[in-house]
Amino acid sequence: MTRKLVAFLTAATISMAAAAPAVHAMEMEFNMLTGAVFNSLRSHDLPTDGVDGLTLNLIGLINAIENDDSISGSSKKQQIEAVIRNQ
């Protein structure tokens, strides 16, 4: 019984250690994306105080609007404002 418990705990520790770099990379990616959205809001003279409260989905949507070359600057601002307003 003790060997099984030790084996289980060892396997759990190894699997957690293996997942840690992936979690760290995802956090870095999220922070970079949030920073890009922050800069986007600033460039459109929109308030940036609520960036930390945006969901990943909203951040991705704002980033997609900002990077869509088919949308004009003023239209981008209006669409981003609508996303923030309707969160």
PDB file of N, CA and C in Angstrom:
ATOM      1  N   MET A   1       0.821  -1.192   0.000  1.00  0.00           N
ATOM      2  CA  MET A   1       0.000   0.000   0.000  1.00  0.00           C
ATOM      3  C   MET A   1       0.866   1.257   0.000  1.00  0.00           C
ATOM      4  N   THR A   2       1.912   1.260   0.816  1.00  0.00           N
ATOM      5  CA  THR A   2       2.781   2.421   0.896  1.00  0.00           C
ATOM      6  C   THR A   2       3.504   2.643  -0.427  1.00  0.00           C
ATOM      7  N   ARG A   3       3.928   1.558  -1.070  1.00  0.00           N
ATOM      8  CA  ARG A   3       4.611   1.693  -2.366  1.00  0.00           C
ATOM      9  C   ARG A   3       3.681   2.281  -3.422  1.00  0.00           C
ATOM     10  N   LYS A   4       2.434   1.859  -3.396  1.00  0.00           N
ATOM     11  CA  LYS A   4       1.467   2.397  -4.360  1.00  0.00           C
ATOM     12  C   LYS A   4       1.252   3.895  -4.133  1.00  0.00           C
ATOM     13  N   LEU A   5       1.163   4.284  -2.878  1.00  0.00           N
ATOM     14  CA  LEU A   5       0.975   5.689  -2.554  1.00  0.00           C
ATOM     15  C   LEU A   5       2.180   6.520  -2.976  1.00  0.00           C
ATOM     16  N   VAL A   6       3.379   6.006  -2.696  1.00  0.00           N
ATOM     17  CA  VAL A   6       4.604   6.697  -3.094  1.00  0.00           C
ATOM     18  C   VAL A   6       4.677   6.795  -4.611  1.00  0.00           C
ATOM     19  N   ALA A   7       4.331   5.727  -5.316  1.00  0.00           N
ATOM     20  CA  ALA A   7       4.354   5.738  -6.780  1.00  0.00           C
ATOM     21  C   ALA A   7       3.346   6.743  -7.333  1.00  0.00           C
ATOM     22  N   PHE A   8       2.165   6.775  -6.722  1.00  0.00           N
ATOM     23  CA  PHE A   8       1.147   7.720  -7.158  1.00  0.00           C
ATOM     24  C   PHE A   8       1.595   9.161  -6.933  1.00  0.00           C
ATOM     25  N   LEU A   9       2.120   9.441  -5.761  1.00  0.00           N
ATOM     26  CA  LEU A   9       2.576  10.799  -5.456  1.00  0.00           C
ATOM     27  C   LEU A   9       3.746  11.209  -6.348  1.00  0.00           C
ATOM     28  N   THR A  10       4.635  10.275  -6.632  1.00  0.00           N
ATOM     29  CA  THR A  10       5.755  10.564  -7.520  1.00  0.00           C
ATOM     30  C   THR A  10       5.256  10.893  -8.924  1.00  0.00           C
ATOM     31  N   ALA A  11       4.327  10.085  -9.423  1.00  0.00           N
ATOM     32  CA  ALA A  11       3.769  10.333 -10.761  1.00  0.00           C
ATOM     33  C   ALA A  11       3.039  11.676 -10.811  1.00  0.00           C
ATOM     34  N   ALA A  12       2.300  11.982  -9.757  1.00  0.00           N
ATOM     35  CA  ALA A  12       1.577  13.258  -9.718  1.00  0.00           C
ATOM     36  C   ALA A  12       2.546  14.438  -9.703  1.00  0.00           C
ATOM     37  N   THR A  13       3.624  14.314  -8.943  1.00  0.00           N
ATOM     38  CA  THR A  13       4.625  15.382  -8.874  1.00  0.00           C
ATOM     39  C   THR A  13       5.300  15.589 -10.216  1.00  0.00           C
ATOM     40  N   ILE A  14       5.640  14.509 -10.878  1.00  0.00           N
ATOM     41  CA  ILE A  14       6.301  14.607 -12.191  1.00  0.00           C
ATOM     42  C   ILE A  14       5.364  15.229 -13.212  1.00  0.00           C
ATOM     43  N   SER A  15       4.098  14.835 -13.203  1.00  0.00           N
ATOM     44  CA  SER A  15       3.168  15.398 -14.185  1.00  0.00           C
ATOM     45  C   SER A  15       2.914  16.876 -13.932  1.00  0.00           C
ATOM     46  N   MET A  16       2.866  17.283 -12.669  1.00  0.00           N
ATOM     47  CA  MET A  16       2.689  18.704 -12.354  1.00  0.00           C
ATOM     48  C   MET A  16       3.908  19.510 -12.776  1.00  0.00           C
ATOM     49  N   ALA A  17       5.086  18.961 -12.560  1.00  0.00           N
ATOM     50  CA  ALA A  17       6.314  19.656 -12.943  1.00  0.00           C
ATOM     51  C   ALA A  17       6.410  19.787 -14.455  1.00  0.00           C
ATOM     52  N   ALA A  18       5.924  18.801 -15.170  1.00  0.00           N
ATOM     53  CA  ALA A  18       5.965  18.852 -16.631  1.00  0.00           C
ATOM     54  C   ALA A  18       4.992  19.886 -17.182  1.00  0.00           C
ATOM     55  N   ALA A  19       3.899  20.126 -16.492  1.00  0.00           N
ATOM     56  CA  ALA A  19       2.890  21.080 -16.959  1.00  0.00           C
ATOM     57  C   ALA A  19       3.252  22.523 -16.618  1.00  0.00           C
ATOM     58  N   ALA A  20       4.118  22.737 -15.669  1.00  0.00           N
ATOM     59  CA  ALA A  20       4.446  24.089 -15.213  1.00  0.00           C
ATOM     60  C   ALA A  20       4.965  25.001 -16.324  1.00  0.00           C
ATOM     61  N   PRO A  21       5.887  24.548 -17.193  1.00  0.00           N
ATOM     62  CA  PRO A  21       6.343  25.450 -18.262  1.00  0.00           C
ATOM     63  C   PRO A  21       5.228  25.860 -19.218  1.00  0.00           C
ATOM     64  N   ALA A  22       4.300  24.961 -19.482  1.00  0.00           N
ATOM     65  CA  ALA A  22       3.189  25.296 -20.375  1.00  0.00           C
ATOM     66  C   ALA A  22       2.289  26.356 -19.749  1.00  0.00           C
ATOM     67  N   VAL A  23       2.044  26.235 -18.462  1.00  0.00           N
ATOM     68  CA  VAL A  23       1.219  27.222 -17.762  1.00  0.00           C
ATOM     69  C   VAL A  23       1.918  28.576 -17.772  1.00  0.00           C
ATOM     70  N   HIS A  24       3.208  28.579 -17.540  1.00  0.00           N
ATOM     71  CA  HIS A  24       3.972  29.827 -17.548  1.00  0.00           C
ATOM     72  C   HIS A  24       3.925  30.475 -18.938  1.00  0.00           C
ATOM     73  N   ALA A  25       4.054  29.682 -19.969  1.00  0.00           N
ATOM     74  CA  ALA A  25       4.009  30.213 -21.334  1.00  0.00           C
ATOM     75  C   ALA A  25       2.634  30.801 -21.645  1.00  0.00           C
ATOM     76  N   MET A  26       1.581  30.154 -21.176  1.00  0.00           N
ATOM     77  CA  MET A  26       0.231  30.673 -21.401  1.00  0.00           C
ATOM     78  C   MET A  26       0.029  31.991 -20.668  1.00  0.00           C
ATOM     79  N   GLU A  27       0.557  32.105 -19.455  1.00  0.00           N
ATOM     80  CA  GLU A  27       0.455  33.355 -18.709  1.00  0.00           C
ATOM     81  C   GLU A  27       1.192  34.477 -19.429  1.00  0.00           C
ATOM     82  N   MET A  28       2.371  34.177 -19.954  1.00  0.00           N
ATOM     83  CA  MET A  28       3.130  35.187 -20.696  1.00  0.00           C
ATOM     84  C   MET A  28       2.373  35.626 -21.942  1.00  0.00           C
ATOM     85  N   GLU A  29       1.779  34.677 -22.654  1.00  0.00           N
ATOM     86  CA  GLU A  29       1.008  34.999 -23.862  1.00  0.00           C
ATOM     87  C   GLU A  29      -0.189  35.877 -23.508  1.00  0.00           C
ATOM     88  N   PHE A  30      -0.886  35.537 -22.436  1.00  0.00           N
ATOM     89  CA  PHE A  30      -2.029  36.331 -21.994  1.00  0.00           C
ATOM     90  C   PHE A  30      -1.597  37.746 -21.631  1.00  0.00           C
ATOM     91  N   ASN A  31      -0.474  37.873 -20.928  1.00  0.00           N
ATOM     92  CA  ASN A  31       0.032  39.201 -20.556  1.00  0.00           C
ATOM     93  C   ASN A  31       0.423  40.016 -21.780  1.00  0.00           C
ATOM     94  N   MET A  32       1.023  39.376 -22.768  1.00  0.00           N
ATOM     95  CA  MET A  32       1.394  40.087 -23.992  1.00  0.00           C
ATOM     96  C   MET A  32       0.149  40.548 -24.749  1.00  0.00           C
ATOM     97  N   LEU A  33      -0.849  39.700 -24.821  1.00  0.00           N
ATOM     98  CA  LEU A  33      -2.091  40.052 -25.502  1.00  0.00           C
ATOM     99  C   LEU A  33      -2.811  41.176 -24.763  1.00  0.00           C
ATOM    100  N   THR A  34      -2.823  41.114 -23.446  1.00  0.00           N
ATOM    101  CA  THR A  34      -3.433  42.185 -22.650  1.00  0.00           C
ATOM    102  C   THR A  34      -2.689  43.502 -22.864  1.00  0.00           C
ATOM    103  N   GLY A  35      -1.368  43.439 -22.937  1.00  0.00           N
ATOM    104  CA  GLY A  35      -0.578  44.641 -23.206  1.00  0.00           C
ATOM    105  C   GLY A  35      -0.885  45.234 -24.569  1.00  0.00           C
ATOM    106  N   ALA A  36      -1.070  44.368 -25.558  1.00  0.00           N
ATOM    107  CA  ALA A  36      -1.412  44.848 -26.903  1.00  0.00           C
ATOM    108  C   ALA A  36      -2.774  45.537 -26.902  1.00  0.00           C
ATOM    109  N   VAL A  37      -3.726  44.979 -26.168  1.00  0.00           N
ATOM    110  CA  VAL A  37      -5.056  45.594 -26.075  1.00  0.00           C
ATOM    111  C   VAL A  37      -4.967  46.919 -25.322  1.00  0.00           C
ATOM    112  N   PHE A  38      -4.176  46.971 -24.275  1.00  0.00           N
ATOM    113  CA  PHE A  38      -3.965  48.218 -23.530  1.00  0.00           C
ATOM    114  C   PHE A  38      -3.441  49.300 -24.470  1.00  0.00           C
ATOM    115  N   ASN A  39      -2.422  48.961 -25.264  1.00  0.00           N
ATOM    116  CA  ASN A  39      -1.859  49.930 -26.212  1.00  0.00           C
ATOM    117  C   ASN A  39      -2.880  50.328 -27.266  1.00  0.00           C
ATOM    118  N   SER A  40      -3.687  49.382 -27.690  1.00  0.00           N
ATOM    119  CA  SER A  40      -4.733  49.674 -28.672  1.00  0.00           C
ATOM    120  C   SER A  40      -5.742  50.666 -28.103  1.00  0.00           C
ATOM    121  N   LEU A  41      -6.168  50.439 -26.872  1.00  0.00           N
ATOM    122  CA  LEU A  41      -7.121  51.356 -26.245  1.00  0.00           C
ATOM    123  C   LEU A  41      -6.530  52.752 -26.115  1.00  0.00           C
ATOM    124  N   ARG A  42      -5.274  52.828 -25.713  1.00  0.00           N
ATOM    125  CA  ARG A  42      -4.611  54.130 -25.586  1.00  0.00           C
ATOM    126  C   ARG A  42      -4.523  54.833 -26.932  1.00  0.00           C
ATOM    127  N   SER A  43      -4.221  54.092 -27.984  1.00  0.00           N
ATOM    128  CA  SER A  43      -4.079  54.714 -29.305  1.00  0.00           C
ATOM    129  C   SER A  43      -5.403  55.268 -29.823  1.00  0.00           C
ATOM    130  N   HIS A  44      -6.519  54.728 -29.326  1.00  0.00           N
ATOM    131  CA  HIS A  44      -7.842  55.216 -29.725  1.00  0.00           C
ATOM    132  C   HIS A  44      -8.432  56.166 -28.678  1.00  0.00           C
ATOM    133  N   ASP A  45      -7.600  56.594 -27.718  1.00  0.00           N
ATOM    134  CA  ASP A  45      -8.041  57.486 -26.643  1.00  0.00           C
ATOM    135  C   ASP A  45      -9.234  56.922 -25.873  1.00  0.00           C
ATOM    136  N   LEU A  46      -9.195  55.610 -25.617  1.00  0.00           N
ATOM    137  CA  LEU A  46     -10.229  54.948 -24.834  1.00  0.00           C
ATOM    138  C   LEU A  46      -9.685  54.667 -23.432  1.00  0.00           C
ATOM    139  N   PRO A  47     -10.563  54.567 -22.442  1.00  0.00           N
ATOM    140  CA  PRO A  47     -10.091  54.318 -21.074  1.00  0.00           C
ATOM    141  C   PRO A  47      -9.435  52.937 -20.961  1.00  0.00           C
ATOM    142  N   THR A  48      -8.353  52.887 -20.202  1.00  0.00           N
ATOM    143  CA  THR A  48      -7.604  51.641 -20.052  1.00  0.00           C
ATOM    144  C   THR A  48      -7.731  51.050 -18.651  1.00  0.00           C
ATOM    145  N   ASP A  49      -8.475  51.694 -17.776  1.00  0.00           N
ATOM    146  CA  ASP A  49      -8.539  51.248 -16.389  1.00  0.00           C
ATOM    147  C   ASP A  49      -9.232  49.902 -16.198  1.00  0.00           C
ATOM    148  N   GLY A  50     -10.017  49.449 -17.132  1.00  0.00           N
ATOM    149  CA  GLY A  50     -10.720  48.179 -16.978  1.00  0.00           C
ATOM    150  C   GLY A  50     -10.095  47.016 -17.720  1.00  0.00           C
ATOM    151  N   VAL A  51      -8.889  47.194 -18.248  1.00  0.00           N
ATOM    152  CA  VAL A  51      -8.253  46.139 -19.046  1.00  0.00           C
ATOM    153  C   VAL A  51      -8.061  44.867 -18.232  1.00  0.00           C
ATOM    154  N   ASP A  52      -7.701  45.010 -16.977  1.00  0.00           N
ATOM    155  CA  ASP A  52      -7.456  43.837 -16.138  1.00  0.00           C
ATOM    156  C   ASP A  52      -8.717  43.008 -15.904  1.00  0.00           C
ATOM    157  N   GLY A  53      -9.872  43.607 -16.056  1.00  0.00           N
ATOM    158  CA  GLY A  53     -11.123  42.891 -15.832  1.00  0.00           C
ATOM    159  C   GLY A  53     -11.711  42.247 -17.076  1.00  0.00           C
ATOM    160  N   LEU A  54     -11.068  42.445 -18.230  1.00  0.00           N
ATOM    161  CA  LEU A  54     -11.579  41.862 -19.469  1.00  0.00           C
ATOM    162  C   LEU A  54     -11.299  40.364 -19.510  1.00  0.00           C
ATOM    163  N   THR A  55     -12.239  39.622 -20.062  1.00  0.00           N
ATOM    164  CA  THR A  55     -12.042  38.186 -20.229  1.00  0.00           C
ATOM    165  C   THR A  55     -11.121  37.928 -21.408  1.00  0.00           C
ATOM    166  N   LEU A  56     -10.610  36.731 -21.475  1.00  0.00           N
ATOM    167  CA  LEU A  56      -9.757  36.345 -22.596  1.00  0.00           C
ATOM    168  C   LEU A  56     -10.511  36.471 -23.911  1.00  0.00           C
ATOM    169  N   ASN A  57     -11.782  36.132 -23.902  1.00  0.00           N
ATOM    170  CA  ASN A  57     -12.604  36.244 -25.101  1.00  0.00           C
ATOM    171  C   ASN A  57     -12.696  37.691 -25.578  1.00  0.00           C
ATOM    172  N   LEU A  58     -12.941  38.618 -24.661  1.00  0.00           N
ATOM    173  CA  LEU A  58     -13.039  40.031 -25.032  1.00  0.00           C
ATOM    174  C   LEU A  58     -11.701  40.589 -25.486  1.00  0.00           C
ATOM    175  N   ILE A  59     -10.635  40.188 -24.816  1.00  0.00           N
ATOM    176  CA  ILE A  59      -9.303  40.632 -25.225  1.00  0.00           C
ATOM    177  C   ILE A  59      -8.994  40.148 -26.631  1.00  0.00           C
ATOM    178  N   GLY A  60      -9.332  38.895 -26.909  1.00  0.00           N
ATOM    179  CA  GLY A  60      -9.116  38.357 -28.251  1.00  0.00           C
ATOM    180  C   GLY A  60      -9.955  39.068 -29.297  1.00  0.00           C
ATOM    181  N   LEU A  61     -11.182  39.405 -28.947  1.00  0.00           N
ATOM    182  CA  LEU A  61     -12.060  40.115 -29.879  1.00  0.00           C
ATOM    183  C   LEU A  61     -11.534  41.518 -30.181  1.00  0.00           C
ATOM    184  N   ILE A  62     -11.119  42.227 -29.146  1.00  0.00           N
ATOM    185  CA  ILE A  62     -10.556  43.565 -29.348  1.00  0.00           C
ATOM    186  C   ILE A  62      -9.290  43.488 -30.189  1.00  0.00           C
ATOM    187  N   ASN A  63      -8.456  42.512 -29.915  1.00  0.00           N
ATOM    188  CA  ASN A  63      -7.222  42.344 -30.685  1.00  0.00           C
ATOM    189  C   ASN A  63      -7.534  42.022 -32.147  1.00  0.00           C
ATOM    190  N   ALA A  64      -8.539  41.209 -32.381  1.00  0.00           N
ATOM    191  CA  ALA A  64      -8.926  40.869 -33.759  1.00  0.00           C
ATOM    192  C   ALA A  64      -9.441  42.101 -34.500  1.00  0.00           C
ATOM    193  N   ILE A  65     -10.221  42.928 -33.825  1.00  0.00           N
ATOM    194  CA  ILE A  65     -10.712  44.163 -34.444  1.00  0.00           C
ATOM    195  C   ILE A  65      -9.533  45.067 -34.784  1.00  0.00           C
ATOM    196  N   GLU A  66      -8.623  45.215 -33.839  1.00  0.00           N
ATOM    197  CA  GLU A  66      -7.474  46.096 -34.043  1.00  0.00           C
ATOM    198  C   GLU A  66      -6.603  45.627 -35.207  1.00  0.00           C
ATOM    199  N   ASN A  67      -6.476  44.347 -35.401  1.00  0.00           N
ATOM    200  CA  ASN A  67      -5.594  43.821 -36.439  1.00  0.00           C
ATOM    201  C   ASN A  67      -6.288  43.567 -37.771  1.00  0.00           C
ATOM    202  N   ASP A  68      -7.567  43.910 -37.865  1.00  0.00           N
ATOM    203  CA  ASP A  68      -8.309  43.726 -39.118  1.00  0.00           C
ATOM    204  C   ASP A  68      -8.071  44.935 -40.023  1.00  0.00           C
ATOM    205  N   ASP A  69      -7.333  44.717 -41.094  1.00  0.00           N
ATOM    206  CA  ASP A  69      -6.984  45.815 -42.008  1.00  0.00           C
ATOM    207  C   ASP A  69      -8.168  46.315 -42.827  1.00  0.00           C
ATOM    208  N   SER A  70      -9.264  45.567 -42.855  1.00  0.00           N
ATOM    209  CA  SER A  70     -10.418  45.994 -43.636  1.00  0.00           C
ATOM    210  C   SER A  70     -11.301  46.991 -42.879  1.00  0.00           C
ATOM    211  N   ILE A  71     -10.991  47.234 -41.615  1.00  0.00           N
ATOM    212  CA  ILE A  71     -11.776  48.167 -40.803  1.00  0.00           C
ATOM    213  C   ILE A  71     -11.002  49.475 -40.673  1.00  0.00           C
ATOM    214  N   SER A  72     -11.701  50.593 -40.910  1.00  0.00           N
ATOM    215  CA  SER A  72     -11.048  51.902 -40.797  1.00  0.00           C
ATOM    216  C   SER A  72     -10.813  52.256 -39.335  1.00  0.00           C
ATOM    217  N   GLY A  73      -9.960  53.249 -39.099  1.00  0.00           N
ATOM    218  CA  GLY A  73      -9.592  53.654 -37.743  1.00  0.00           C
ATOM    219  C   GLY A  73     -10.767  54.067 -36.879  1.00  0.00           C
ATOM    220  N   SER A  74     -11.649  54.910 -37.411  1.00  0.00           N
ATOM    221  CA  SER A  74     -12.788  55.369 -36.605  1.00  0.00           C
ATOM    222  C   SER A  74     -13.771  54.231 -36.356  1.00  0.00           C
ATOM    223  N   SER A  75     -13.915  53.357 -37.322  1.00  0.00           N
ATOM    224  CA  SER A  75     -14.802  52.217 -37.155  1.00  0.00           C
ATOM    225  C   SER A  75     -14.236  51.231 -36.132  1.00  0.00           C
ATOM    226  N   LYS A  76     -12.902  51.086 -36.133  1.00  0.00           N
ATOM    227  CA  LYS A  76     -12.262  50.230 -35.121  1.00  0.00           C
ATOM    228  C   LYS A  76     -12.574  50.750 -33.728  1.00  0.00           C
ATOM    229  N   LYS A  77     -12.443  52.060 -33.555  1.00  0.00           N
ATOM    230  CA  LYS A  77     -12.709  52.661 -32.254  1.00  0.00           C
ATOM    231  C   LYS A  77     -14.149  52.404 -31.833  1.00  0.00           C
ATOM    232  N   GLN A  78     -15.092  52.578 -32.741  1.00  0.00           N
ATOM    233  CA  GLN A  78     -16.496  52.367 -32.423  1.00  0.00           C
ATOM    234  C   GLN A  78     -16.775  50.911 -32.056  1.00  0.00           C
ATOM    235  N   GLN A  79     -16.175  49.986 -32.802  1.00  0.00           N
ATOM    236  CA  GLN A  79     -16.399  48.568 -32.522  1.00  0.00           C
ATOM    237  C   GLN A  79     -15.775  48.170 -31.182  1.00  0.00           C
ATOM    238  N   ILE A  80     -14.592  48.691 -30.901  1.00  0.00           N
ATOM    239  CA  ILE A  80     -13.946  48.392 -29.615  1.00  0.00           C
ATOM    240  C   ILE A  80     -14.752  48.974 -28.468  1.00  0.00           C
ATOM    241  N   GLU A  81     -15.251  50.197 -28.644  1.00  0.00           N
ATOM    242  CA  GLU A  81     -16.115  50.799 -27.615  1.00  0.00           C
ATOM    243  C   GLU A  81     -17.345  49.940 -27.376  1.00  0.00           C
ATOM    244  N   ALA A  82     -17.923  49.410 -28.434  1.00  0.00           N
ATOM    245  CA  ALA A  82     -19.112  48.553 -28.296  1.00  0.00           C
ATOM    246  C   ALA A  82     -18.778  47.274 -27.528  1.00  0.00           C
ATOM    247  N   VAL A  83     -17.619  46.706 -27.791  1.00  0.00           N
ATOM    248  CA  VAL A  83     -17.211  45.489 -27.076  1.00  0.00           C
ATOM    249  C   VAL A  83     -17.065  45.799 -25.587  1.00  0.00           C
ATOM    250  N   ILE A  84     -16.407  46.891 -25.264  1.00  0.00           N
ATOM    251  CA  ILE A  84     -16.198  47.257 -23.866  1.00  0.00           C
ATOM    252  C   ILE A  84     -17.526  47.587 -23.182  1.00  0.00           C
ATOM    253  N   ARG A  85     -18.367  48.307 -23.882  1.00  0.00           N
ATOM    254  CA  ARG A  85     -19.661  48.732 -23.320  1.00  0.00           C
ATOM    255  C   ARG A  85     -20.562  47.526 -23.043  1.00  0.00           C
ATOM    256  N   ASN A  86     -20.514  46.522 -23.883  1.00  0.00           N
ATOM    257  CA  ASN A  86     -21.409  45.375 -23.762  1.00  0.00           C
ATOM    258  C   ASN A  86     -20.816  44.198 -23.003  1.00  0.00           C
ATOM    259  N   GLN A  87     -19.709  44.396 -22.336  1.00  0.00           N
ATOM    260  CA  GLN A  87     -19.082  43.274 -21.637  1.00  0.00           C
ATOM    261  C   GLN A  87     -19.904  42.769 -20.547  1.00  0.00           C
TER     262      GLN A  87
END
